[in-house]
N, C-alpha and C. Protein backbone atom coordinates (compact mmCIF):
# COMPACT_ATOMS: atom_id res chain seq x y z
N MET A 1 46.86 25.19 -106.88
CA MET A 1 46.33 24.80 -107.99
C MET A 1 45.21 23.67 -107.78
N ASP A 2 44.14 23.88 -108.41
CA ASP A 2 43.02 22.92 -108.38
C ASP A 2 43.46 21.51 -108.87
N LYS A 3 42.95 20.45 -108.36
CA LYS A 3 43.21 19.05 -108.99
C LYS A 3 41.81 18.64 -109.47
N TYR A 4 41.93 18.06 -110.57
CA TYR A 4 40.76 17.43 -111.27
C TYR A 4 40.96 15.89 -111.69
N ASP A 5 39.94 15.24 -111.49
CA ASP A 5 39.89 13.89 -111.99
C ASP A 5 39.94 13.68 -113.60
N LEU A 6 39.15 14.62 -114.26
CA LEU A 6 39.16 14.72 -115.74
C LEU A 6 39.12 16.05 -116.22
N VAL A 7 40.04 16.33 -117.30
CA VAL A 7 40.16 17.71 -117.91
C VAL A 7 39.96 17.36 -119.27
N VAL A 8 39.01 18.00 -119.95
CA VAL A 8 38.61 17.87 -121.19
C VAL A 8 39.03 19.25 -121.98
N ILE A 9 39.78 19.06 -122.94
CA ILE A 9 40.24 20.19 -123.78
C ILE A 9 39.44 20.42 -125.01
N GLY A 10 38.66 21.44 -125.18
CA GLY A 10 37.73 21.63 -126.38
C GLY A 10 36.35 21.38 -125.96
N ALA A 11 35.49 22.45 -126.13
CA ALA A 11 34.19 22.34 -125.77
C ALA A 11 33.23 22.13 -127.08
N GLY A 12 33.73 21.46 -127.95
CA GLY A 12 32.84 21.01 -129.19
C GLY A 12 31.94 19.90 -128.82
N PRO A 13 31.28 19.42 -129.83
CA PRO A 13 30.18 18.37 -129.60
C PRO A 13 30.67 17.21 -128.69
N GLY A 14 32.01 16.82 -128.86
CA GLY A 14 32.45 15.65 -128.15
C GLY A 14 32.85 16.22 -126.72
N GLY A 15 33.58 17.24 -126.80
CA GLY A 15 34.17 17.81 -125.36
C GLY A 15 33.07 18.20 -124.40
N TYR A 16 31.99 18.86 -124.80
CA TYR A 16 31.10 19.29 -123.68
C TYR A 16 30.36 18.18 -123.16
N VAL A 17 30.13 17.05 -124.06
CA VAL A 17 29.45 15.84 -123.77
C VAL A 17 30.17 15.10 -122.75
N ALA A 18 31.58 14.94 -123.09
CA ALA A 18 32.45 14.21 -122.28
C ALA A 18 32.56 14.89 -120.86
N ALA A 19 32.63 16.11 -120.87
CA ALA A 19 32.63 16.83 -119.50
C ALA A 19 31.41 16.58 -118.68
N ILE A 20 30.33 16.70 -119.41
CA ILE A 20 28.92 16.53 -118.56
C ILE A 20 28.91 14.95 -118.16
N ARG A 21 29.30 13.99 -118.95
CA ARG A 21 29.33 12.64 -118.50
C ARG A 21 30.27 12.30 -117.39
N GLY A 22 31.42 12.99 -117.52
CA GLY A 22 32.38 12.82 -116.33
C GLY A 22 31.85 13.27 -115.08
N ALA A 23 31.12 14.48 -115.18
CA ALA A 23 30.56 15.12 -113.86
C ALA A 23 29.46 14.28 -113.43
N GLN A 24 28.70 13.75 -114.26
CA GLN A 24 27.60 12.84 -113.90
C GLN A 24 28.05 11.48 -113.25
N LEU A 25 29.34 11.14 -113.65
CA LEU A 25 29.92 9.95 -113.04
C LEU A 25 30.65 10.21 -111.68
N GLY A 26 30.63 11.48 -111.46
CA GLY A 26 31.23 11.90 -110.11
C GLY A 26 32.67 12.35 -110.12
N PHE A 27 33.28 12.47 -111.32
CA PHE A 27 34.64 13.09 -111.50
C PHE A 27 34.54 14.65 -111.19
N LYS A 28 35.57 15.17 -110.76
CA LYS A 28 35.75 16.54 -110.64
C LYS A 28 36.37 16.87 -111.87
N THR A 29 35.50 17.65 -112.81
CA THR A 29 35.62 17.86 -114.15
C THR A 29 36.04 19.26 -114.49
N ALA A 30 37.07 19.50 -115.31
CA ALA A 30 37.30 20.78 -115.85
C ALA A 30 37.03 20.67 -117.41
N LEU A 31 36.57 21.74 -117.94
CA LEU A 31 36.32 21.92 -119.41
C LEU A 31 37.06 23.13 -119.83
N ILE A 32 38.08 22.86 -120.81
CA ILE A 32 38.85 24.04 -121.20
C ILE A 32 38.52 24.44 -122.65
N GLU A 33 38.11 25.71 -122.90
CA GLU A 33 37.80 26.13 -124.23
C GLU A 33 38.26 27.61 -124.44
N LYS A 34 38.91 27.67 -125.55
CA LYS A 34 39.55 29.20 -125.69
C LYS A 34 38.49 30.13 -126.17
N ARG A 35 37.41 29.71 -126.79
CA ARG A 35 36.30 30.59 -127.09
C ARG A 35 35.47 30.88 -125.86
N GLY A 36 34.60 31.84 -125.98
CA GLY A 36 33.60 32.27 -124.78
C GLY A 36 32.30 31.26 -124.77
N THR A 37 32.23 30.56 -125.86
CA THR A 37 30.97 29.81 -125.83
C THR A 37 31.24 28.34 -126.20
N LEU A 38 30.26 27.47 -125.75
CA LEU A 38 30.58 25.93 -126.07
C LEU A 38 30.09 25.73 -127.52
N GLY A 39 30.32 24.55 -128.00
CA GLY A 39 30.01 24.25 -129.30
C GLY A 39 31.02 24.00 -130.26
N GLY A 40 32.14 24.38 -130.11
CA GLY A 40 33.28 24.24 -131.03
C GLY A 40 33.24 24.96 -132.33
N THR A 41 34.10 24.69 -133.20
CA THR A 41 34.30 25.40 -134.44
C THR A 41 33.13 25.29 -135.33
N CYS A 42 32.45 24.02 -135.47
CA CYS A 42 31.48 24.02 -136.48
C CYS A 42 30.22 24.75 -136.04
N LEU A 43 29.81 24.90 -134.65
CA LEU A 43 28.60 25.54 -134.32
C LEU A 43 28.87 26.96 -134.36
N ASN A 44 30.11 27.43 -133.86
CA ASN A 44 30.38 28.93 -133.57
C ASN A 44 31.03 29.56 -134.96
N VAL A 45 31.62 28.87 -135.71
CA VAL A 45 32.37 29.58 -136.74
C VAL A 45 31.68 29.36 -138.22
N GLY A 46 31.00 28.21 -138.40
CA GLY A 46 30.28 28.26 -139.45
C GLY A 46 30.24 26.97 -140.28
N ALA A 47 30.13 25.89 -139.50
CA ALA A 47 29.91 24.62 -140.44
C ALA A 47 28.59 23.98 -140.15
N SER A 48 28.18 23.79 -139.03
CA SER A 48 26.86 23.03 -138.82
C SER A 48 25.50 23.64 -139.20
N LEU A 49 25.35 24.79 -138.54
CA LEU A 49 24.07 25.53 -138.81
C LEU A 49 24.04 26.27 -140.01
N PRO A 50 25.06 27.17 -140.35
CA PRO A 50 24.97 27.91 -141.51
C PRO A 50 24.99 27.18 -142.74
N LYS A 51 25.56 25.99 -142.84
CA LYS A 51 25.59 25.24 -144.25
C LYS A 51 24.23 25.15 -144.92
N PRO A 52 23.34 24.51 -144.14
CA PRO A 52 21.92 24.34 -144.74
C PRO A 52 21.31 25.63 -145.10
N LEU A 53 21.49 26.74 -144.40
CA LEU A 53 20.99 27.92 -144.66
C LEU A 53 21.53 28.56 -145.98
N LEU A 54 22.90 28.65 -145.99
CA LEU A 54 23.56 29.02 -147.29
C LEU A 54 23.18 28.21 -148.42
N ASP A 55 23.00 26.89 -148.26
CA ASP A 55 22.57 26.18 -149.47
C ASP A 55 21.09 26.39 -149.91
N SER A 56 20.24 26.58 -148.89
CA SER A 56 18.91 27.18 -149.33
C SER A 56 18.81 28.27 -149.94
N SER A 57 19.75 29.27 -149.28
CA SER A 57 19.70 30.63 -150.03
C SER A 57 20.23 30.63 -151.33
N GLU A 58 21.12 29.77 -151.63
CA GLU A 58 21.58 29.59 -153.13
C GLU A 58 20.50 28.89 -153.95
N HIS A 59 19.79 27.98 -153.61
CA HIS A 59 18.65 27.49 -154.27
C HIS A 59 17.60 28.41 -154.49
N TYR A 60 17.18 29.32 -153.49
CA TYR A 60 16.26 30.29 -153.58
C TYR A 60 16.64 31.19 -154.66
N LEU A 61 17.96 31.50 -154.69
CA LEU A 61 18.40 32.62 -155.58
C LEU A 61 18.26 32.06 -156.97
N LYS A 62 18.74 30.82 -157.18
CA LYS A 62 18.63 30.31 -158.49
C LYS A 62 17.15 30.13 -159.01
N ALA A 63 16.26 29.63 -158.09
CA ALA A 63 14.90 29.49 -158.40
C ALA A 63 14.22 30.74 -158.85
N SER A 64 14.61 31.95 -158.09
CA SER A 64 13.93 33.20 -158.37
C SER A 64 14.64 34.01 -159.38
N LYS A 65 15.77 33.74 -159.84
CA LYS A 65 16.50 34.57 -160.73
C LYS A 65 17.15 34.00 -161.81
N GLU A 66 17.67 32.67 -161.82
CA GLU A 66 18.46 32.06 -162.74
C GLU A 66 17.78 31.02 -163.71
N PHE A 67 16.74 30.27 -163.09
CA PHE A 67 16.18 29.20 -163.69
C PHE A 67 15.62 29.57 -165.09
N ASP A 68 15.02 30.72 -165.14
CA ASP A 68 14.37 31.19 -166.44
C ASP A 68 15.31 31.19 -167.55
N MET A 69 16.66 31.53 -167.27
CA MET A 69 17.74 31.51 -168.28
C MET A 69 17.91 30.18 -169.00
N HIS A 70 17.41 29.06 -168.27
CA HIS A 70 17.60 27.76 -168.78
C HIS A 70 16.20 27.22 -169.19
N GLY A 71 15.19 28.00 -169.38
CA GLY A 71 13.87 27.51 -169.59
C GLY A 71 13.06 26.89 -168.65
N ILE A 72 13.52 27.08 -167.49
CA ILE A 72 12.74 26.56 -166.26
C ILE A 72 11.73 27.63 -165.66
N LYS A 73 10.69 27.28 -165.72
CA LYS A 73 9.57 28.12 -165.11
C LYS A 73 9.18 27.72 -163.67
N VAL A 74 9.32 28.77 -162.83
CA VAL A 74 8.86 28.56 -161.49
C VAL A 74 7.90 29.38 -161.06
N GLY A 75 6.82 29.03 -160.33
CA GLY A 75 5.92 29.93 -159.73
C GLY A 75 6.40 30.89 -158.72
N SER A 76 5.63 31.32 -157.88
CA SER A 76 5.98 32.36 -156.84
C SER A 76 7.02 31.59 -155.87
N VAL A 77 8.08 32.29 -155.69
CA VAL A 77 9.12 31.79 -154.80
C VAL A 77 9.15 32.54 -153.53
N GLY A 78 9.07 31.83 -152.38
CA GLY A 78 9.15 32.34 -151.14
C GLY A 78 7.93 33.28 -150.61
N HIS A 79 6.73 33.11 -151.17
CA HIS A 79 5.71 33.86 -150.80
C HIS A 79 4.64 32.83 -150.16
């Protein structure tokens, strides 16, 4: 079995940064992640990047289809 100076469990935003820093400092470092990609739950499953996109999509839908029901006039949306 290999021996490591530093073992980081979880390759989320804190985990992969900790592993990089450990290696930079000369530690024999292992990073353990159950998914096939780095970035953790937020990046890969749906918290960080999709949230602003979903929020913008909702605003676009409301501006293009729902605002007029409330008497709000919007010019060309998304063109």
